[in-house]
PDB file of N, CA and C in Angstrom:
ATOM      1  N   LYS A   1      86.733 -64.417  90.292  1.00  0.00           N
ATOM      2  CA  LYS A   1      86.244 -65.067  89.313  1.00  0.00           C
ATOM      3  C   LYS A   1      87.101 -66.061  88.845  1.00  0.00           C
ATOM      4  N   VAL A   2      86.646 -67.292  88.382  1.00  0.00           N
ATOM      5  CA  VAL A   2      87.613 -68.208  87.828  1.00  0.00           C
ATOM      6  C   VAL A   2      87.082 -68.770  86.645  1.00  0.00           C
ATOM      7  N   ASN A   3      87.746 -68.860  85.605  1.00  0.00           N
ATOM      8  CA  ASN A   3      87.620 -69.232  84.052  1.00  0.00           C
ATOM      9  C   ASN A   3      87.756 -70.738  84.157  1.00  0.00           C
ATOM     10  N   LEU A   4      86.867 -71.393  83.578  1.00  0.00           N
ATOM     11  CA  LEU A   4      87.010 -73.053  83.295  1.00  0.00           C
ATOM     12  C   LEU A   4      87.213 -73.204  81.885  1.00  0.00           C
ATOM     13  N   GLY A   5      88.291 -73.633  81.217  1.00  0.00           N
ATOM     14  CA  GLY A   5      88.362 -73.691  79.885  1.00  0.00           C
ATOM     15  C   GLY A   5      89.796 -74.623  79.598  1.00  0.00           C
ATOM     16  N   THR A   6      90.164 -74.552  78.508  1.00  0.00           N
ATOM     17  CA  THR A   6      91.433 -75.362  78.085  1.00  0.00           C
ATOM     18  C   THR A   6      92.764 -74.247  77.974  1.00  0.00           C
ATOM     19  N   GLY A   7      92.182 -73.147  77.825  1.00  0.00           N
ATOM     20  CA  GLY A   7      93.232 -72.101  77.435  1.00  0.00           C
ATOM     21  C   GLY A   7      93.495 -72.035  76.041  1.00  0.00           C
ATOM     22  N   ASN A   8      93.166 -72.850  75.225  1.00  0.00           N
ATOM     23  CA  ASN A   8      93.008 -72.928  73.766  1.00  0.00           C
ATOM     24  C   ASN A   8      91.891 -72.329  73.000  1.00  0.00           C
ATOM     25  N   GLY A   9      92.150 -71.447  71.980  1.00  0.00           N
ATOM     26  CA  GLY A   9      90.886 -71.132  71.360  1.00  0.00           C
ATOM     27  C   GLY A   9      90.582 -71.764  69.970  1.00  0.00           C
ATOM     28  N   TYR A  10      89.398 -72.066  69.755  1.00  0.00           N
ATOM     29  CA  TYR A  10      88.884 -72.882  68.477  1.00  0.00           C
ATOM     30  C   TYR A  10      88.268 -72.004  67.714  1.00  0.00           C
ATOM     31  N   SER A  11      88.247 -71.937  66.394  1.00  0.00           N
ATOM     32  CA  SER A  11      87.405 -71.099  65.429  1.00  0.00           C
ATOM     33  C   SER A  11      86.199 -71.831  65.225  1.00  0.00           C
ATOM     34  N   VAL A  12      85.113 -71.025  64.781  1.00  0.00           N
ATOM     35  CA  VAL A  12      83.846 -71.597  64.386  1.00  0.00           C
ATOM     36  C   VAL A  12      83.852 -72.767  63.663  1.00  0.00           C
ATOM     37  N   LEU A  13      84.938 -72.655  62.649  1.00  0.00           N
ATOM     38  CA  LEU A  13      84.967 -73.734  61.473  1.00  0.00           C
ATOM     39  C   LEU A  13      85.647 -74.994  62.256  1.00  0.00           C
ATOM     40  N   GLN A  14      86.321 -74.945  63.222  1.00  0.00           N
ATOM     41  CA  GLN A  14      87.135 -76.169  64.007  1.00  0.00           C
ATOM     42  C   GLN A  14      85.686 -76.742  64.800  1.00  0.00           C
ATOM     43  N   VAL A  15      85.039 -75.961  65.349  1.00  0.00           N
ATOM     44  CA  VAL A  15      83.727 -76.563  65.997  1.00  0.00           C
ATOM     45  C   VAL A  15      83.012 -77.291  65.005  1.00  0.00           C
ATOM     46  N   VAL A  16      82.508 -76.602  64.033  1.00  0.00           N
ATOM     47  CA  VAL A  16      81.726 -77.293  63.128  1.00  0.00           C
ATOM     48  C   VAL A  16      82.527 -78.655  62.698  1.00  0.00           C
ATOM     49  N   GLN A  17      83.702 -78.658  62.404  1.00  0.00           N
ATOM     50  CA  GLN A  17      84.354 -80.031  61.861  1.00  0.00           C
ATOM     51  C   GLN A  17      84.297 -80.832  63.155  1.00  0.00           C
ATOM     52  N   ALA A  18      84.308 -80.472  64.269  1.00  0.00           N
ATOM     53  CA  ALA A  18      84.381 -81.402  65.361  1.00  0.00           C
ATOM     54  C   ALA A  18      83.054 -82.084  65.482  1.00  0.00           C
ATOM     55  N   TYR A  19      82.015 -81.305  65.429  1.00  0.00           N
ATOM     56  CA  TYR A  19      80.591 -81.806  65.453  1.00  0.00           C
ATOM     57  C   TYR A  19      80.255 -82.591  64.336  1.00  0.00           C
ATOM     58  N   SER A  20      80.819 -82.354  63.173  1.00  0.00           N
ATOM     59  CA  SER A  20      80.647 -83.066  62.005  1.00  0.00           C
ATOM     60  C   SER A  20      81.294 -84.612  62.473  1.00  0.00           C
ATOM     61  N   LYS A  21      82.307 -84.663  62.897  1.00  0.00           N
ATOM     62  CA  LYS A  21      83.123 -85.775  63.247  1.00  0.00           C
ATOM     63  C   LYS A  21      82.181 -86.751  64.278  1.00  0.00           C
ATOM     64  N   ALA A  22      81.641 -85.745  65.236  1.00  0.00           N
ATOM     65  CA  ALA A  22      80.818 -86.602  66.467  1.00  0.00           C
ATOM     66  C   ALA A  22      79.677 -87.123  65.890  1.00  0.00           C
ATOM     67  N   CYS A  23      79.142 -86.443  64.991  1.00  0.00           N
ATOM     68  CA  CYS A  23      77.601 -86.945  64.643  1.00  0.00           C
ATOM     69  C   CYS A  23      77.776 -87.967  63.312  1.00  0.00           C
ATOM     70  N   GLY A  24      79.046 -87.894  62.714  1.00  0.00           N
ATOM     71  CA  GLY A  24      79.208 -88.720  61.633  1.00  0.00           C
ATOM     72  C   GLY A  24      78.636 -88.398  60.167  1.00  0.00           C
ATOM     73  N   ARG A  25      78.459 -87.104  60.159  1.00  0.00           N
ATOM     74  CA  ARG A  25      77.930 -86.516  58.725  1.00  0.00           C
ATOM     75  C   ARG A  25      78.577 -85.011  58.847  1.00  0.00           C
ATOM     76  N   GLU A  26      78.621 -84.710  57.462  1.00  0.00           N
ATOM     77  CA  GLU A  26      78.884 -83.477  57.194  1.00  0.00           C
ATOM     78  C   GLU A  26      77.927 -82.434  57.585  1.00  0.00           C
ATOM     79  N   LEU A  27      78.199 -81.442  58.135  1.00  0.00           N
ATOM     80  CA  LEU A  27      77.158 -80.396  58.489  1.00  0.00           C
ATOM     81  C   LEU A  27      77.513 -79.218  57.552  1.00  0.00           C
ATOM     82  N   PRO A  28      76.162 -78.628  57.111  1.00  0.00           N
ATOM     83  CA  PRO A  28      76.362 -77.566  55.994  1.00  0.00           C
ATOM     84  C   PRO A  28      76.949 -76.143  56.794  1.00  0.00           C
ATOM     85  N   TYR A  29      77.614 -75.516  55.946  1.00  0.00           N
ATOM     86  CA  TYR A  29      78.097 -74.251  56.617  1.00  0.00           C
ATOM     87  C   TYR A  29      78.335 -73.362  55.627  1.00  0.00           C
ATOM     88  N   GLU A  30      78.611 -72.026  55.913  1.00  0.00           N
ATOM     89  CA  GLU A  30      78.869 -71.007  54.766  1.00  0.00           C
ATOM     90  C   GLU A  30      80.006 -70.134  55.631  1.00  0.00           C
ATOM     91  N   ILE A  31      80.975 -69.881  54.616  1.00  0.00           N
ATOM     92  CA  ILE A  31      82.083 -68.937  55.406  1.00  0.00           C
ATOM     93  C   ILE A  31      81.884 -67.429  54.808  1.00  0.00           C
ATOM     94  N   LEU A  32      81.613 -66.524  55.608  1.00  0.00           N
ATOM     95  CA  LEU A  32      81.028 -65.196  55.168  1.00  0.00           C
ATOM     96  C   LEU A  32      82.273 -64.350  55.993  1.00  0.00           C
ATOM     97  N   PRO A  33      82.334 -62.998  55.620  1.00  0.00           N
ATOM     98  CA  PRO A  33      83.104 -61.948  56.163  1.00  0.00           C
ATOM     99  C   PRO A  33      82.790 -61.828  57.572  1.00  0.00           C
ATOM    100  N   ARG A  34      83.662 -61.450  58.312  1.00  0.00           N
ATOM    101  CA  ARG A  34      83.591 -61.078  59.695  1.00  0.00           C
ATOM    102  C   ARG A  34      82.601 -59.837  59.921  1.00  0.00           C
ATOM    103  N   ARG A  35      81.653 -59.861  60.702  1.00  0.00           N
ATOM    104  CA  ARG A  35      80.676 -58.762  60.933  1.00  0.00           C
ATOM    105  C   ARG A  35      81.385 -57.650  61.806  1.00  0.00           C
ATOM    106  N   ALA A  36      80.824 -56.569  61.601  1.00  0.00           N
ATOM    107  CA  ALA A  36      81.446 -55.317  62.638  1.00  0.00           C
ATOM    108  C   ALA A  36      81.234 -55.705  63.918  1.00  0.00           C
ATOM    109  N   GLY A  37      82.263 -55.444  64.850  1.00  0.00           N
ATOM    110  CA  GLY A  37      82.080 -55.815  66.170  1.00  0.00           C
ATOM    111  C   GLY A  37      82.396 -57.212  66.650  1.00  0.00           C
ATOM    112  N   ASP A  38      82.497 -58.173  65.690  1.00  0.00           N
ATOM    113  CA  ASP A  38      82.959 -59.685  65.827  1.00  0.00           C
ATOM    114  C   ASP A  38      84.317 -59.421  66.883  1.00  0.00           C
ATOM    115  N   VAL A  39      84.279 -60.535  67.729  1.00  0.00           N
ATOM    116  CA  VAL A  39      85.528 -60.462  68.500  1.00  0.00           C
ATOM    117  C   VAL A  39      86.483 -61.249  67.849  1.00  0.00           C
ATOM    118  N   ALA A  40      87.724 -61.041  67.450  1.00  0.00           N
ATOM    119  CA  ALA A  40      88.573 -62.008  66.842  1.00  0.00           C
ATOM    120  C   ALA A  40      89.031 -63.061  67.547  1.00  0.00           C
ATOM    121  N   GLU A  41      89.274 -62.897  68.864  1.00  0.00           N
ATOM    122  CA  GLU A  41      89.537 -64.211  69.559  1.00  0.00           C
ATOM    123  C   GLU A  41      89.183 -64.180  70.830  1.00  0.00           C
ATOM    124  N   CYS A  42      88.645 -65.173  71.528  1.00  0.00           N
ATOM    125  CA  CYS A  42      88.158 -65.143  72.876  1.00  0.00           C
ATOM    126  C   CYS A  42      88.240 -66.473  73.442  1.00  0.00           C
ATOM    127  N   TYR A  43      88.863 -66.706  74.578  1.00  0.00           N
ATOM    128  CA  TYR A  43      88.954 -67.986  74.995  1.00  0.00           C
ATOM    129  C   TYR A  43      89.465 -67.840  76.673  1.00  0.00           C
ATOM    130  N   ALA A  44      89.205 -68.690  77.444  1.00  0.00           N
ATOM    131  CA  ALA A  44      89.237 -68.751  78.952  1.00  0.00           C
ATOM    132  C   ALA A  44      90.954 -69.179  79.359  1.00  0.00           C
ATOM    133  N   ASP A  45      91.141 -68.265  80.175  1.00  0.00           N
ATOM    134  CA  ASP A  45      92.389 -68.449  80.744  1.00  0.00           C
ATOM    135  C   ASP A  45      92.362 -69.283  82.120  1.00  0.00           C
ATOM    136  N   PRO A  46      92.664 -70.597  82.183  1.00  0.00           N
ATOM    137  CA  PRO A  46      92.358 -71.353  83.355  1.00  0.00           C
ATOM    138  C   PRO A  46      93.342 -71.321  84.477  1.00  0.00           C
ATOM    139  N   THR A  47      94.433 -70.443  84.397  1.00  0.00           N
ATOM    140  CA  THR A  47      95.283 -70.520  85.328  1.00  0.00           C
ATOM    141  C   THR A  47      94.785 -70.378  86.692  1.00  0.00           C
ATOM    142  N   LYS A  48      93.913 -69.541  87.071  1.00  0.00           N
ATOM    143  CA  LYS A  48      93.317 -69.379  88.360  1.00  0.00           C
ATOM    144  C   LYS A  48      92.691 -70.733  88.955  1.00  0.00           C
ATOM    145  N   ALA A  49      92.024 -71.312  87.844  1.00  0.00           N
ATOM    146  CA  ALA A  49      91.165 -72.841  88.082  1.00  0.00           C
ATOM    147  C   ALA A  49      92.176 -73.625  88.653  1.00  0.00           C
ATOM    148  N   LEU A  50      93.440 -73.577  88.010  1.00  0.00           N
ATOM    149  CA  LEU A  50      94.445 -74.643  88.443  1.00  0.00           C
ATOM    150  C   LEU A  50      95.017 -74.246  89.682  1.00  0.00           C
ATOM    151  N   GLU A  51      95.429 -72.953  90.087  1.00  0.00           N
ATOM    152  CA  GLU A  51      96.103 -72.633  91.335  1.00  0.00           C
ATOM    153  C   GLU A  51      95.031 -72.697  92.336  1.00  0.00           C
ATOM    154  N   LEU A  52      93.833 -72.113  92.251  1.00  0.00           N
ATOM    155  CA  LEU A  52      92.652 -72.226  93.435  1.00  0.00           C
ATOM    156  C   LEU A  52      92.200 -73.514  93.616  1.00  0.00           C
ATOM    157  N   LEU A  53      91.846 -74.119  92.591  1.00  0.00           N
ATOM    158  CA  LEU A  53      91.085 -75.449  92.717  1.00  0.00           C
ATOM    159  C   LEU A  53      91.720 -76.729  92.377  1.00  0.00           C
ATOM    160  N   GLY A  54      92.971 -76.506  91.406  1.00  0.00           N
ATOM    161  CA  GLY A  54      93.442 -77.660  91.180  1.00  0.00           C
ATOM    162  C   GLY A  54      92.912 -78.409  89.974  1.00  0.00           C
ATOM    163  N   TRP A  55      91.966 -77.453  89.472  1.00  0.00           N
ATOM    164  CA  TRP A  55      91.122 -78.101  88.044  1.00  0.00           C
ATOM    165  C   TRP A  55      91.906 -77.802  86.945  1.00  0.00           C
ATOM    166  N   LYS A  56      92.045 -78.793  85.885  1.00  0.00           N
ATOM    167  CA  LYS A  56      92.538 -78.622  84.630  1.00  0.00           C
ATOM    168  C   LYS A  56      91.611 -79.310  83.631  1.00  0.00           C
ATOM    169  N   ALA A  57      91.316 -78.853  82.403  1.00  0.00           N
ATOM    170  CA  ALA A  57      90.372 -79.482  81.443  1.00  0.00           C
ATOM    171  C   ALA A  57      91.332 -80.657  81.090  1.00  0.00           C
ATOM    172  N   GLN A  58      90.294 -81.729  80.629  1.00  0.00           N
ATOM    173  CA  GLN A  58      90.814 -82.955  80.397  1.00  0.00           C
ATOM    174  C   GLN A  58      90.568 -83.404  79.136  1.00  0.00           C
ATOM    175  N   TYR A  59      89.819 -82.585  78.258  1.00  0.00           N
ATOM    176  CA  TYR A  59      89.267 -83.152  76.967  1.00  0.00           C
ATOM    177  C   TYR A  59      89.633 -82.113  75.983  1.00  0.00           C
ATOM    178  N   ASN A  60      89.776 -82.465  74.676  1.00  0.00           N
ATOM    179  CA  ASN A  60      89.981 -81.543  73.668  1.00  0.00           C
ATOM    180  C   ASN A  60      88.781 -81.386  72.946  1.00  0.00           C
ATOM    181  N   ILE A  61      88.588 -80.320  71.813  1.00  0.00           N
ATOM    182  CA  ILE A  61      87.386 -80.245  71.170  1.00  0.00           C
ATOM    183  C   ILE A  61      86.915 -81.325  70.755  1.00  0.00           C
ATOM    184  N   ASP A  62      87.531 -82.265  70.138  1.00  0.00           N
ATOM    185  CA  ASP A  62      86.548 -83.572  69.410  1.00  0.00           C
ATOM    186  C   ASP A  62      86.080 -84.316  70.427  1.00  0.00           C
ATOM    187  N   GLN A  63      86.709 -84.359  71.668  1.00  0.00           N
ATOM    188  CA  GLN A  63      86.066 -85.200  72.874  1.00  0.00           C
ATOM    189  C   GLN A  63      84.774 -84.509  73.216  1.00  0.00           C
ATOM    190  N   MET A  64      85.053 -82.923  73.663  1.00  0.00           N
ATOM    191  CA  MET A  64      83.975 -82.289  74.120  1.00  0.00           C
ATOM    192  C   MET A  64      82.650 -82.282  73.083  1.00  0.00           C
ATOM    193  N   CYS A  65      82.915 -82.193  71.856  1.00  0.00           N
ATOM    194  CA  CYS A  65      81.667 -82.173  70.777  1.00  0.00           C
ATOM    195  C   CYS A  65      81.013 -83.655  70.847  1.00  0.00           C
ATOM    196  N   LYS A  66      82.009 -84.521  71.021  1.00  0.00           N
ATOM    197  CA  LYS A  66      81.456 -85.940  70.739  1.00  0.00           C
ATOM    198  C   LYS A  66      80.535 -86.159  72.246  1.00  0.00           C
ATOM    199  N   ASP A  67      80.833 -85.636  73.278  1.00  0.00           N
ATOM    200  CA  ASP A  67      80.075 -85.712  74.373  1.00  0.00           C
ATOM    201  C   ASP A  67      78.794 -85.154  74.313  1.00  0.00           C
ATOM    202  N   SER A  68      79.202 -83.714  73.923  1.00  0.00           N
ATOM    203  CA  SER A  68      77.823 -82.850  73.809  1.00  0.00           C
ATOM    204  C   SER A  68      76.845 -83.503  72.848  1.00  0.00           C
ATOM    205  N   TRP A  69      77.262 -84.303  71.813  1.00  0.00           N
ATOM    206  CA  TRP A  69      76.379 -84.847  70.856  1.00  0.00           C
ATOM    207  C   TRP A  69      75.708 -86.092  71.398  1.00  0.00           C
ATOM    208  N   ASN A  70      76.564 -86.936  72.047  1.00  0.00           N
ATOM    209  CA  ASN A  70      75.999 -88.087  72.562  1.00  0.00           C
ATOM    210  C   ASN A  70      74.813 -87.720  73.683  1.00  0.00           C
ATOM    211  N   PHE A  71      75.092 -86.755  74.626  1.00  0.00           N
ATOM    212  CA  PHE A  71      74.110 -86.116  75.387  1.00  0.00           C
ATOM    213  C   PHE A  71      72.778 -85.930  74.761  1.00  0.00           C
ATOM    214  N   THR A  72      73.152 -85.160  73.822  1.00  0.00           N
ATOM    215  CA  THR A  72      71.822 -84.390  73.058  1.00  0.00           C
ATOM    216  C   THR A  72      70.930 -85.673  72.482  1.00  0.00           C
ATOM    217  N   GLN A  73      71.542 -86.804  71.985  1.00  0.00           N
ATOM    218  CA  GLN A  73      71.123 -87.854  71.404  1.00  0.00           C
ATOM    219  C   GLN A  73      70.152 -88.725  72.347  1.00  0.00           C
ATOM    220  N   MET A  74      70.843 -88.871  73.650  1.00  0.00           N
ATOM    221  CA  MET A  74      70.230 -89.406  74.927  1.00  0.00           C
ATOM    222  C   MET A  74      69.084 -88.647  75.478  1.00  0.00           C
ATOM    223  N   ASN A  75      69.077 -87.353  75.169  1.00  0.00           N
ATOM    224  CA  ASN A  75      68.181 -86.273  76.135  1.00  0.00           C
ATOM    225  C   ASN A  75      67.647 -85.363  74.984  1.00  0.00           C
ATOM    226  N   PRO A  76      66.925 -85.761  74.215  1.00  0.00           N
ATOM    227  CA  PRO A  76      66.218 -84.895  73.022  1.00  0.00           C
ATOM    228  C   PRO A  76      65.493 -83.771  73.610  1.00  0.00           C
ATOM    229  N   ASN A  77      65.022 -83.985  74.754  1.00  0.00           N
ATOM    230  CA  ASN A  77      64.332 -82.801  75.502  1.00  0.00           C
ATOM    231  C   ASN A  77      65.049 -82.061  76.433  1.00  0.00           C
ATOM    232  N   GLY A  78      66.308 -82.276  76.405  1.00  0.00           N
ATOM    233  CA  GLY A  78      67.159 -81.459  77.419  1.00  0.00           C
ATOM    234  C   GLY A  78      67.257 -82.133  78.722  1.00  0.00           C
ATOM    235  N   ILE A  79      67.524 -81.294  79.768  1.00  0.00           N
ATOM    236  CA  ILE A  79      67.311 -81.746  81.253  1.00  0.00           C
ATOM    237  C   ILE A  79      65.962 -81.515  81.618  1.00  0.00           C
ATOM    238  N   GLU A  80      65.341 -82.629  82.034  1.00  0.00           N
ATOM    239  CA  GLU A  80      63.956 -82.515  82.447  1.00  0.00           C
ATOM    240  C   GLU A  80      63.807 -82.499  84.030  1.00  0.00           C
TER     241      GLU A  80
END
């Protein structure tokens, strides 16, 4: 198995902030206590992808969210 990712973890708040920047408006959110069973950290280790495939992530969280937002705007019904 090969994980594809940046090797960096991002908080939910960082993702909300990146999407806010991508769409150009403040997104509403609430900060609540962690639920029982919630994972504290989870992110991909891309070491094998680099070793086996020569693959390395090229984009940061802001760029990925902007790309995702732009795709959604261009394809409101998803992939058809």
